[in-house]
Amino acid sequence: MDITIDHDKCMGAGQCALIAPEVFDQGDDGMALLLVDRPGTAQAPAVREAAESCPLSAISVADDRPGTA
């Protein structure tokens, strides 16, 4: 799973950090920070929920394809 945060879109709502605190946090400026580059499968549902809950769709999630790392 690859996660991308578009910091130009992020408004610092904090939904991602509330939903998946082991993967996301907020910096001193309130903007989203990625704590884990490649979360494990156990974290995947929370990461997807965080991306879907982002008010400005600043978080993108791409699943790994078979045969890629």
Protein backbone atom coordinates (compact mmCIF):
# COMPACT_ATOMS: atom_id res chain seq x y z
CA MET A 1 0.00 0.00 0.00
CA ASP A 2 1.39 3.37 -1.06
CA ILE A 3 0.11 6.51 0.64
CA THR A 4 0.50 10.03 -0.70
CA ILE A 5 -0.49 13.26 1.03
CA ASP A 6 -1.05 16.27 -1.21
CA HIS A 7 0.09 19.03 1.13
CA ASP A 8 -1.25 21.67 -1.27
CA LYS A 9 -4.77 20.30 -0.61
CA CYS A 10 -4.41 19.46 3.10
CA MET A 11 -6.28 21.91 5.33
CA GLY A 12 -5.31 20.30 8.64
CA ALA A 13 -8.74 18.91 9.55
CA GLY A 14 -7.05 16.06 11.45
CA GLN A 15 -9.49 13.31 10.45
CA CYS A 16 -6.63 11.10 9.28
CA ALA A 17 -4.81 11.35 12.62
CA LEU A 18 -8.02 10.58 14.52
CA ILE A 19 -8.89 7.55 12.38
CA ALA A 20 -5.41 6.06 11.90
CA PRO A 21 -3.11 7.56 14.57
CA GLU A 22 -0.48 4.88 14.05
CA VAL A 23 -0.06 6.01 10.44
CA PHE A 24 -0.90 9.75 10.44
CA ASP A 25 -0.16 12.67 12.73
CA GLN A 26 -0.32 16.45 12.46
CA GLY A 27 2.73 18.66 12.33
CA ASP A 28 3.21 21.89 14.25
CA ASP A 29 1.45 23.67 11.39
CA GLY A 30 -1.57 21.33 11.69
CA MET A 31 -0.94 19.65 8.36
CA ALA A 32 -0.96 15.89 7.96
CA LEU A 33 2.21 13.91 8.45
CA LEU A 34 2.81 10.34 7.35
CA LEU A 35 4.37 8.32 10.19
CA VAL A 36 4.65 5.00 8.32
CA ASP A 37 5.71 4.82 4.67
CA ARG A 38 4.20 1.39 4.06
CA PRO A 39 1.66 0.32 6.67
CA GLY A 40 0.92 -3.34 7.24
CA THR A 41 -2.23 -5.11 6.15
CA ALA A 42 -3.73 -4.73 9.64
CA GLN A 43 -3.61 -0.95 9.24
CA ALA A 44 -5.02 -0.91 5.71
CA PRO A 45 -8.73 -0.54 6.62
CA ALA A 46 -8.03 2.47 8.86
CA VAL A 47 -5.80 4.05 6.21
CA ARG A 48 -8.52 3.67 3.57
CA GLU A 49 -11.12 5.12 5.95
CA ALA A 50 -8.81 8.06 6.70
CA ALA A 51 -8.35 8.74 2.98
CA GLU A 52 -12.11 8.55 2.36
CA SER A 53 -12.78 10.86 5.33
CA CYS A 54 -10.37 13.57 4.24
CA PRO A 55 -12.57 16.60 3.45
CA LEU A 56 -10.37 17.75 0.56
CA SER A 57 -9.27 14.32 -0.70
CA ALA A 58 -5.64 15.15 0.09
CA ILE A 59 -4.78 11.51 0.84
CA SER A 60 -4.30 8.99 -1.95
CA VAL A 61 -3.98 5.26 -1.35
CA ALA A 62 -2.75 2.78 -3.95
CA ASP A 63 -2.75 -0.93 -3.33
CA ASP A 64 0.32 -2.96 -4.13
CA ARG A 65 0.08 -5.01 -7.26
CA PRO A 66 0.97 -8.68 -7.12
CA GLY A 67 4.64 -9.14 -7.85
CA THR A 68 5.65 -5.62 -6.77
CA ALA A 69 7.14 -4.46 -3.50
